[in-house]
Amino acid sequence: MADTEPSLDSAAADVTLPIDVIDHPDAERPASPAATIVLVRDGDAELEVLMIHRGAATAFGGMWAFPGGVIEAADIPDGTAPDPLPAARRAAVRETHEEVRLQVDESSLVYWSHWLPPIETPQRFSTWFFLAPAGDLDADEHVGIDGDEVHAHRWIAPANALAMQASGEMLIAPPTFVTLEQIHRYSDIASALAAAEPASFVTEIAWAPDGARICLWEGDAGFGLGDPMVQGPRHRLVMDEHAGWRYLHTAG
């Protein structure tokens, strides 16, 4: 499973853009810059997020994700290069409109996190995640899907999405899982937006003795060593197909 979020036009991965892209300096396959919006609304009892079910023809077909995709040259505002954030914001807004027909106010986007997949991942994305309030866009009749790239959508409480992942009803990628874990602790939009503290997730893969696949991030005692058994702080996602996925963050 690729540790990434957005859809991919395979041709876009070969385009070099005049913006700084966070990546491993020695990566054989450079990461394509991408951006994602996590749209949130206040539900009846708890915060809800908009998730989309990607079509089989897309790079991550069958997964539930957040709207988003690759950054294109036209997304770079004049005079902003090489800063990638303005382009990432514009790309996230454009992709959300293309995928679900929602026009999000670019100024409402709150930078939430950045994700970089393992260096060995075949299709690699350097992805900026933004949180944004749905506002007047949260009614289902405002969401339009094309039935090709996007097969379905749903507003769902993060805790419910995590429960569906655990039961096998919802296939999601690690960044989606961790983002849902982060957001589900907040009861409303205001508290979630106020808590934004952009974090960087440069992913390394390791394997536990029992065969569980583990994503390691900076702050974990095993990060940089490839050894998940090293004692110390934890910042990891344990993807155990029997015991379930567990996000552990005891570091700093």
C-alpha atoms as a PDB file:
ATOM      1  CA  MET A   1       0.000   0.000   0.000  1.00  0.00           C
ATOM      2  CA  ALA A   2       1.460   3.356  -0.981  1.00  0.00           C
ATOM      3  CA  ASP A   3       1.906   5.839   1.845  1.00  0.00           C
ATOM      4  CA  THR A   4       0.252   8.739   0.069  1.00  0.00           C
ATOM      5  CA  GLU A   5      -3.096  10.334  -0.516  1.00  0.00           C
ATOM      6  CA  PRO A   6      -3.900  12.090  -3.812  1.00  0.00           C
ATOM      7  CA  SER A   7      -4.914  10.787  -7.191  1.00  0.00           C
ATOM      8  CA  LEU A   8      -2.344  10.816  -9.975  1.00  0.00           C
ATOM      9  CA  ASP A   9      -2.239  11.715 -13.610  1.00  0.00           C
ATOM     10  CA  SER A  10       0.829   9.612 -14.444  1.00  0.00           C
ATOM     11  CA  ALA A  11       2.082  12.162 -16.942  1.00  0.00           C
ATOM     12  CA  ALA A  12       2.153  14.855 -14.269  1.00  0.00           C
ATOM     13  CA  ALA A  13       4.791  12.967 -12.305  1.00  0.00           C
ATOM     14  CA  ASP A  14       7.412  13.742 -14.961  1.00  0.00           C
ATOM     15  CA  VAL A  15       6.914  17.516 -14.904  1.00  0.00           C
ATOM     16  CA  THR A  16       9.563  19.556 -13.102  1.00  0.00           C
ATOM     17  CA  LEU A  17       8.056  22.614 -11.411  1.00  0.00           C
ATOM     18  CA  PRO A  18       9.918  25.734 -10.209  1.00  0.00           C
ATOM     19  CA  ILE A  19       8.917  25.172  -6.586  1.00  0.00           C
ATOM     20  CA  ASP A  20      10.753  23.522  -3.722  1.00  0.00           C
ATOM     21  CA  VAL A  21       9.589  19.944  -3.264  1.00  0.00           C
ATOM     22  CA  ILE A  22      10.319  18.210   0.017  1.00  0.00           C
ATOM     23  CA  ASP A  23      12.027  14.945  -0.883  1.00  0.00           C
ATOM     24  CA  HIS A  24      14.953  12.649  -0.173  1.00  0.00           C
ATOM     25  CA  PRO A  25      18.016  14.139  -1.907  1.00  0.00           C
ATOM     26  CA  ASP A  26      19.037  10.760  -3.354  1.00  0.00           C
ATOM     27  CA  ALA A  27      15.612   9.510  -4.437  1.00  0.00           C
ATOM     28  CA  GLU A  28      15.755   7.596  -7.731  1.00  0.00           C
ATOM     29  CA  ARG A  29      12.107   8.469  -8.355  1.00  0.00           C
ATOM     30  CA  PRO A  30      11.561  12.118  -7.382  1.00  0.00           C
ATOM     31  CA  ALA A  31       8.319  12.802  -5.552  1.00  0.00           C
ATOM     32  CA  SER A  32       5.633  14.757  -7.392  1.00  0.00           C
ATOM     33  CA  PRO A  33       4.247  17.689  -5.380  1.00  0.00           C
ATOM     34  CA  ALA A  34       0.611  17.265  -4.406  1.00  0.00           C
ATOM     35  CA  ALA A  35      -2.021  18.736  -2.116  1.00  0.00           C
ATOM     36  CA  THR A  36      -5.097  17.549  -0.231  1.00  0.00           C
ATOM     37  CA  ILE A  37      -8.003  19.244   1.555  1.00  0.00           C
ATOM     38  CA  VAL A  38      -9.623  17.751   4.639  1.00  0.00           C
ATOM     39  CA  LEU A  39     -13.037  19.434   4.614  1.00  0.00           C
ATOM     40  CA  VAL A  40     -14.659  19.478   8.056  1.00  0.00           C
ATOM     41  CA  ARG A  41     -18.106  20.374   9.322  1.00  0.00           C
ATOM     42  CA  ASP A  42     -19.873  20.314  12.676  1.00  0.00           C
ATOM     43  CA  GLY A  43     -22.093  17.253  12.764  1.00  0.00           C
ATOM     44  CA  ASP A  44     -25.047  16.605  15.039  1.00  0.00           C
ATOM     45  CA  ALA A  45     -22.850  15.189  17.801  1.00  0.00           C
ATOM     46  CA  GLU A  46     -19.248  15.465  16.592  1.00  0.00           C
ATOM     47  CA  LEU A  47     -16.962  16.753  13.875  1.00  0.00           C
ATOM     48  CA  GLU A  48     -17.362  15.201  10.422  1.00  0.00           C
ATOM     49  CA  VAL A  49     -15.013  15.046   7.420  1.00  0.00           C
ATOM     50  CA  LEU A  50     -15.704  14.674   3.702  1.00  0.00           C
ATOM     51  CA  MET A  51     -14.269  11.455   2.272  1.00  0.00           C
ATOM     52  CA  ILE A  52     -14.383  10.229  -1.305  1.00  0.00           C
ATOM     53  CA  HIS A  53     -14.201   6.707  -2.725  1.00  0.00           C
ATOM     54  CA  ARG A  54     -11.688   6.636  -5.562  1.00  0.00           C
ATOM     55  CA  GLY A  55     -12.449   4.776  -8.788  1.00  0.00           C
ATOM     56  CA  ALA A  56     -10.540   1.668  -9.816  1.00  0.00           C
ATOM     57  CA  ALA A  57      -8.824   3.475 -12.705  1.00  0.00           C
ATOM     58  CA  THR A  58      -7.032   5.889 -10.379  1.00  0.00           C
ATOM     59  CA  ALA A  59      -3.640   5.235  -8.799  1.00  0.00           C
ATOM     60  CA  PHE A  60      -5.265   4.412  -5.442  1.00  0.00           C
ATOM     61  CA  GLY A  61      -8.427   2.819  -6.745  1.00  0.00           C
ATOM     62  CA  GLY A  62     -10.811   1.474  -4.137  1.00  0.00           C
ATOM     63  CA  MET A  63      -9.480   3.640  -1.322  1.00  0.00           C
ATOM     64  CA  TRP A  64     -11.420   6.187   0.686  1.00  0.00           C
ATOM     65  CA  ALA A  65      -9.492   9.447   0.817  1.00  0.00           C
ATOM     66  CA  PHE A  66      -9.750  13.224   0.952  1.00  0.00           C
ATOM     67  CA  PRO A  67     -10.069  15.304  -2.232  1.00  0.00           C
ATOM     68  CA  GLY A  68      -6.738  16.258  -3.752  1.00  0.00           C
ATOM     69  CA  GLY A  69      -4.154  15.650  -6.449  1.00  0.00           C
ATOM     70  CA  VAL A  70      -0.902  16.725  -8.050  1.00  0.00           C
ATOM     71  CA  ILE A  71       0.261  20.339  -8.270  1.00  0.00           C
ATOM     72  CA  GLU A  72       0.416  21.666 -11.821  1.00  0.00           C
ATOM     73  CA  ALA A  73       2.375  24.556 -13.309  1.00  0.00           C
ATOM     74  CA  ALA A  74      -0.798  26.640 -13.596  1.00  0.00           C
ATOM     75  CA  ASP A  75      -1.289  26.360  -9.825  1.00  0.00           C
ATOM     76  CA  ILE A  76       1.817  28.431  -9.075  1.00  0.00           C
ATOM     77  CA  PRO A  77       0.777  32.059  -8.376  1.00  0.00           C
ATOM     78  CA  ASP A  78       2.964  34.657 -10.063  1.00  0.00           C
ATOM     79  CA  GLY A  79       5.949  35.671  -7.992  1.00  0.00           C
ATOM     80  CA  THR A  80       5.569  32.947  -5.353  1.00  0.00           C
ATOM     81  CA  ALA A  81       8.124  30.384  -6.566  1.00  0.00           C
ATOM     82  CA  PRO A  82      10.059  28.635  -5.142  1.00  0.00           C
ATOM     83  CA  ASP A  83       7.738  28.658  -2.078  1.00  0.00           C
ATOM     84  CA  PRO A  84       5.542  25.556  -2.548  1.00  0.00           C
ATOM     85  CA  LEU A  85       2.725  26.491  -0.149  1.00  0.00           C
ATOM     86  CA  PRO A  86       0.870  29.001  -2.384  1.00  0.00           C
ATOM     87  CA  ALA A  87       0.859  26.481  -5.217  1.00  0.00           C
ATOM     88  CA  ALA A  88      -0.203  23.688  -2.876  1.00  0.00           C
ATOM     89  CA  ARG A  89      -3.145  25.745  -1.623  1.00  0.00           C
ATOM     90  CA  ARG A  90      -4.283  26.570  -5.147  1.00  0.00           C
ATOM     91  CA  ALA A  91      -3.877  22.980  -6.329  1.00  0.00           C
ATOM     92  CA  ALA A  92      -5.871  21.649  -3.373  1.00  0.00           C
ATOM     93  CA  VAL A  93      -8.727  24.031  -4.172  1.00  0.00           C
ATOM     94  CA  ARG A  94      -8.639  23.205  -7.901  1.00  0.00           C
ATOM     95  CA  GLU A  95      -8.555  19.448  -7.347  1.00  0.00           C
ATOM     96  CA  THR A  96     -11.424  19.614  -4.863  1.00  0.00           C
ATOM     97  CA  HIS A  97     -13.539  21.444  -7.412  1.00  0.00           C
ATOM     98  CA  GLU A  98     -12.614  18.988 -10.156  1.00  0.00           C
ATOM     99  CA  GLU A  99     -13.309  15.920  -8.026  1.00  0.00           C
ATOM    100  CA  VAL A 100     -16.408  16.873  -6.048  1.00  0.00           C
ATOM    101  CA  ARG A 101     -17.535  20.183  -7.607  1.00  0.00           C
ATOM    102  CA  LEU A 102     -17.020  22.152  -4.414  1.00  0.00           C
ATOM    103  CA  GLN A 103     -15.508  25.627  -4.620  1.00  0.00           C
ATOM    104  CA  VAL A 104     -13.472  26.108  -1.454  1.00  0.00           C
ATOM    105  CA  ASP A 105     -12.234  29.538  -0.371  1.00  0.00           C
ATOM    106  CA  GLU A 106      -8.451  29.335  -0.682  1.00  0.00           C
ATOM    107  CA  SER A 107      -7.991  31.713   2.239  1.00  0.00           C
ATOM    108  CA  SER A 108      -9.823  29.268   4.535  1.00  0.00           C
ATOM    109  CA  LEU A 109      -7.189  26.554   4.189  1.00  0.00           C
ATOM    110  CA  VAL A 110      -5.159  25.820   7.321  1.00  0.00           C
ATOM    111  CA  TYR A 111      -1.848  24.013   6.817  1.00  0.00           C
ATOM    112  CA  TRP A 112      -2.096  20.748   8.757  1.00  0.00           C
ATOM    113  CA  SER A 113       0.746  18.415   7.752  1.00  0.00           C
ATOM    114  CA  HIS A 114       3.176  17.312   5.079  1.00  0.00           C
ATOM    115  CA  TRP A 115       3.707  13.710   3.975  1.00  0.00           C
ATOM    116  CA  LEU A 116       6.614  12.094   2.171  1.00  0.00           C
ATOM    117  CA  PRO A 117       6.418   8.376   1.316  1.00  0.00           C
ATOM    118  CA  PRO A 118       9.236   5.863   1.662  1.00  0.00           C
ATOM    119  CA  ILE A 119      12.036   6.255  -0.836  1.00  0.00           C
ATOM    120  CA  GLU A 120      11.276   2.835  -2.344  1.00  0.00           C
ATOM    121  CA  THR A 121       7.618   3.622  -3.145  1.00  0.00           C
ATOM    122  CA  PRO A 122       7.008   3.258  -6.915  1.00  0.00           C
ATOM    123  CA  GLN A 123       4.696   6.263  -7.255  1.00  0.00           C
ATOM    124  CA  ARG A 124       5.824   8.974  -4.889  1.00  0.00           C
ATOM    125  CA  PHE A 125       4.106  12.197  -3.793  1.00  0.00           C
ATOM    126  CA  SER A 126       5.273  15.034  -1.584  1.00  0.00           C
ATOM    127  CA  THR A 127       1.888  16.051  -0.238  1.00  0.00           C
ATOM    128  CA  TRP A 128       0.655  19.061   1.703  1.00  0.00           C
ATOM    129  CA  PHE A 129      -2.489  18.476   3.780  1.00  0.00           C
ATOM    130  CA  PHE A 130      -4.826  21.361   4.590  1.00  0.00           C
ATOM    131  CA  LEU A 131      -7.819  21.545   6.897  1.00  0.00           C
ATOM    132  CA  ALA A 132     -10.740  23.739   5.819  1.00  0.00           C
ATOM    133  CA  PRO A 133     -14.241  24.412   7.160  1.00  0.00           C
ATOM    134  CA  ALA A 134     -16.968  23.267   4.787  1.00  0.00           C
ATOM    135  CA  GLY A 135     -19.190  26.251   5.630  1.00  0.00           C
ATOM    136  CA  ASP A 136     -22.023  26.575   3.129  1.00  0.00           C
ATOM    137  CA  LEU A 137     -20.602  23.702   1.079  1.00  0.00           C
ATOM    138  CA  ASP A 138     -21.520  20.956   3.515  1.00  0.00           C
ATOM    139  CA  ALA A 139     -24.922  19.989   2.116  1.00  0.00           C
ATOM    140  CA  ASP A 140     -24.882  16.722   0.129  1.00  0.00           C
ATOM    141  CA  GLU A 141     -26.639  18.345  -2.806  1.00  0.00           C
ATOM    142  CA  HIS A 142     -23.576  20.549  -3.318  1.00  0.00           C
ATOM    143  CA  VAL A 143     -21.275  17.570  -3.843  1.00  0.00           C
ATOM    144  CA  GLY A 144     -20.949  16.282  -7.392  1.00  0.00           C
ATOM    145  CA  ILE A 145     -19.043  13.138  -8.358  1.00  0.00           C
ATOM    146  CA  ASP A 146     -18.103  11.974 -11.837  1.00  0.00           C
ATOM    147  CA  GLY A 147     -18.484   8.237 -11.236  1.00  0.00           C
ATOM    148  CA  ASP A 148     -15.051   7.691 -12.798  1.00  0.00           C
ATOM    149  CA  GLU A 149     -12.266   9.133 -10.617  1.00  0.00           C
ATOM    150  CA  VAL A 150     -14.687   9.383  -7.690  1.00  0.00           C
ATOM    151  CA  HIS A 151     -17.353   6.734  -7.159  1.00  0.00           C
ATOM    152  CA  ALA A 152     -18.976   7.981  -3.957  1.00  0.00           C
ATOM    153  CA  HIS A 153     -18.658  10.414  -1.091  1.00  0.00           C
ATOM    154  CA  ARG A 154     -19.748  10.599   2.520  1.00  0.00           C
ATOM    155  CA  TRP A 155     -19.601  12.953   5.472  1.00  0.00           C
ATOM    156  CA  ILE A 156     -18.412  10.843   8.356  1.00  0.00           C
ATOM    157  CA  ALA A 157     -17.151  11.253  11.908  1.00  0.00           C
ATOM    158  CA  PRO A 158     -13.434  10.348  12.032  1.00  0.00           C
ATOM    159  CA  ALA A 159     -14.060   7.770  14.770  1.00  0.00           C
ATOM    160  CA  ASN A 160     -16.636   6.042  12.560  1.00  0.00           C
ATOM    161  CA  ALA A 161     -14.249   6.018   9.604  1.00  0.00           C
ATOM    162  CA  LEU A 162     -11.553   4.464  11.791  1.00  0.00           C
ATOM    163  CA  ALA A 163     -14.014   1.815  12.974  1.00  0.00           C
ATOM    164  CA  MET A 164     -14.917   1.007   9.362  1.00  0.00           C
ATOM    165  CA  GLN A 165     -11.220   0.675   8.512  1.00  0.00           C
ATOM    166  CA  ALA A 166     -10.769  -1.701  11.439  1.00  0.00           C
ATOM    167  CA  SER A 167     -13.693  -3.858  10.278  1.00  0.00           C
ATOM    168  CA  GLY A 168     -12.467  -3.941   6.681  1.00  0.00           C
ATOM    169  CA  GLU A 169     -15.360  -1.857   5.363  1.00  0.00           C
ATOM    170  CA  MET A 170     -13.136   1.067   4.351  1.00  0.00           C
ATOM    171  CA  LEU A 171      -9.725   0.847   2.701  1.00  0.00           C
ATOM    172  CA  ILE A 172      -7.525   3.862   3.500  1.00  0.00           C
ATOM    173  CA  ALA A 173      -3.854   4.846   3.202  1.00  0.00           C
ATOM    174  CA  PRO A 174      -1.627   5.582   6.226  1.00  0.00           C
ATOM    175  CA  PRO A 175      -1.793   9.416   5.895  1.00  0.00           C
ATOM    176  CA  THR A 176      -5.592   9.216   5.891  1.00  0.00           C
ATOM    177  CA  PHE A 177      -5.572   6.974   8.957  1.00  0.00           C
ATOM    178  CA  VAL A 178      -3.226   9.207  10.936  1.00  0.00           C
ATOM    179  CA  THR A 179      -5.110  12.371   9.931  1.00  0.00           C
ATOM    180  CA  LEU A 180      -8.386  10.831  11.097  1.00  0.00           C
ATOM    181  CA  GLU A 181      -6.695   9.837  14.361  1.00  0.00           C
ATOM    182  CA  GLN A 182      -5.492  13.409  14.828  1.00  0.00           C
ATOM    183  CA  ILE A 183      -8.843  15.032  14.051  1.00  0.00           C
ATOM    184  CA  HIS A 184     -11.170  12.719  15.923  1.00  0.00           C
ATOM    185  CA  ARG A 185     -10.063  14.163  19.281  1.00  0.00           C
ATOM    186  CA  TYR A 186     -11.739  17.485  18.436  1.00  0.00           C
ATOM    187  CA  SER A 187     -15.459  17.973  18.879  1.00  0.00           C
ATOM    188  CA  ASP A 188     -15.956  20.912  16.526  1.00  0.00           C
ATOM    189  CA  ILE A 189     -14.408  22.879  13.663  1.00  0.00           C
ATOM    190  CA  ALA A 190     -13.185  25.759  15.816  1.00  0.00           C
ATOM    191  CA  SER A 191     -11.151  23.550  18.147  1.00  0.00           C
ATOM    192  CA  ALA A 192      -9.657  21.545  15.278  1.00  0.00           C
ATOM    193  CA  LEU A 193      -8.570  24.616  13.332  1.00  0.00           C
ATOM    194  CA  ALA A 194      -7.170  26.252  16.459  1.00  0.00           C
ATOM    195  CA  ALA A 195      -5.066  23.156  17.171  1.00  0.00           C
ATOM    196  CA  ALA A 196      -3.310  23.157  13.790  1.00  0.00           C
ATOM    197  CA  GLU A 197       0.422  22.714  14.259  1.00  0.00           C
ATOM    198  CA  PRO A 198       1.916  21.573  10.927  1.00  0.00           C
ATOM    199  CA  ALA A 199       3.857  18.350  11.282  1.00  0.00           C
ATOM    200  CA  SER A 200       6.184  16.633   8.814  1.00  0.00           C
ATOM    201  CA  PHE A 201       5.865  12.892   8.189  1.00  0.00           C
ATOM    202  CA  VAL A 202       8.935  11.581   6.370  1.00  0.00           C
ATOM    203  CA  THR A 203       8.109   7.900   6.218  1.00  0.00           C
ATOM    204  CA  GLU A 204      10.414   4.934   6.693  1.00  0.00           C
ATOM    205  CA  ILE A 205       9.187   1.342   6.566  1.00  0.00           C
ATOM    206  CA  ALA A 206      10.216  -1.355   9.034  1.00  0.00           C
ATOM    207  CA  TRP A 207       8.897  -4.789   9.914  1.00  0.00           C
ATOM    208  CA  ALA A 208       8.099  -6.182  13.336  1.00  0.00           C
ATOM    209  CA  PRO A 209       9.204  -9.730  14.218  1.00  0.00           C
ATOM    210  CA  ASP A 210       5.588 -10.860  13.932  1.00  0.00           C
ATOM    211  CA  GLY A 211       5.416  -9.571  10.365  1.00  0.00           C
ATOM    212  CA  ALA A 212       3.493  -6.352  11.018  1.00  0.00           C
ATOM    213  CA  ARG A 213       4.418  -3.509   8.683  1.00  0.00           C
ATOM    214  CA  ILE A 214       5.376  -0.306  10.491  1.00  0.00           C
ATOM    215  CA  CYS A 215       5.645   3.302   9.324  1.00  0.00           C
ATOM    216  CA  LEU A 216       8.300   5.145  11.317  1.00  0.00           C
ATOM    217  CA  TRP A 217       8.539   8.928  11.605  1.00  0.00           C
ATOM    218  CA  GLU A 218      10.975  11.370  13.136  1.00  0.00           C
ATOM    219  CA  GLY A 219      10.890  11.195  16.913  1.00  0.00           C
ATOM    220  CA  ASP A 220      10.590   7.417  16.977  1.00  0.00           C
ATOM    221  CA  ALA A 221      13.551   5.616  18.527  1.00  0.00           C
ATOM    222  CA  GLY A 222      13.747   3.342  15.488  1.00  0.00           C
ATOM    223  CA  PHE A 223      13.615   6.121  12.889  1.00  0.00           C
ATOM    224  CA  GLY A 224      16.764   6.189  10.767  1.00  0.00           C
ATOM    225  CA  LEU A 225      17.786   2.764  12.045  1.00  0.00           C
ATOM    226  CA  GLY A 226      15.173   0.613  10.388  1.00  0.00           C
ATOM    227  CA  ASP A 227      14.741  -1.224  13.677  1.00  0.00           C
ATOM    228  CA  PRO A 228      11.284  -0.977  15.265  1.00  0.00           C
ATOM    229  CA  MET A 229      12.422  -2.912  18.314  1.00  0.00           C
ATOM    230  CA  VAL A 230      14.756  -0.192  19.619  1.00  0.00           C
ATOM    231  CA  GLN A 231      13.531   0.971  23.021  1.00  0.00           C
ATOM    232  CA  GLY A 232      12.509   4.600  23.404  1.00  0.00           C
ATOM    233  CA  PRO A 233       9.919   7.130  22.194  1.00  0.00           C
ATOM    234  CA  ARG A 234       7.385   6.055  19.622  1.00  0.00           C
ATOM    235  CA  HIS A 235       6.085   7.873  16.561  1.00  0.00           C
ATOM    236  CA  ARG A 236       4.779   5.182  14.280  1.00  0.00           C
ATOM    237  CA  LEU A 237       1.838   3.461  12.660  1.00  0.00           C
ATOM    238  CA  VAL A 238       1.706  -0.271  13.293  1.00  0.00           C
ATOM    239  CA  MET A 239      -0.251  -1.941  10.492  1.00  0.00           C
ATOM    240  CA  ASP A 240      -1.056  -5.319  11.989  1.00  0.00           C
ATOM    241  CA  GLU A 241      -3.546  -7.156   9.801  1.00  0.00           C
ATOM    242  CA  HIS A 242      -4.673  -9.274  12.774  1.00  0.00           C
ATOM    243  CA  ALA A 243      -4.615  -6.884  15.741  1.00  0.00           C
ATOM    244  CA  GLY A 244      -5.509  -3.822  13.679  1.00  0.00           C
ATOM    245  CA  TRP A 245      -3.741  -0.544  12.933  1.00  0.00           C
ATOM    246  CA  ARG A 246      -2.387   1.526  15.824  1.00  0.00           C
ATOM    247  CA  TYR A 247      -0.981   5.045  15.691  1.00  0.00           C
ATOM    248  CA  LEU A 248       1.523   5.540  18.505  1.00  0.00           C
ATOM    249  CA  HIS A 249       2.907   8.990  19.307  1.00  0.00           C
ATOM    250  CA  THR A 250       4.764   9.236  22.581  1.00  0.00           C
ATOM    251  CA  ALA A 251       7.650  11.323  21.199  1.00  0.00           C
ATOM    252  CA  GLY A 252       8.139  14.906  22.337  1.00  0.00           C
END
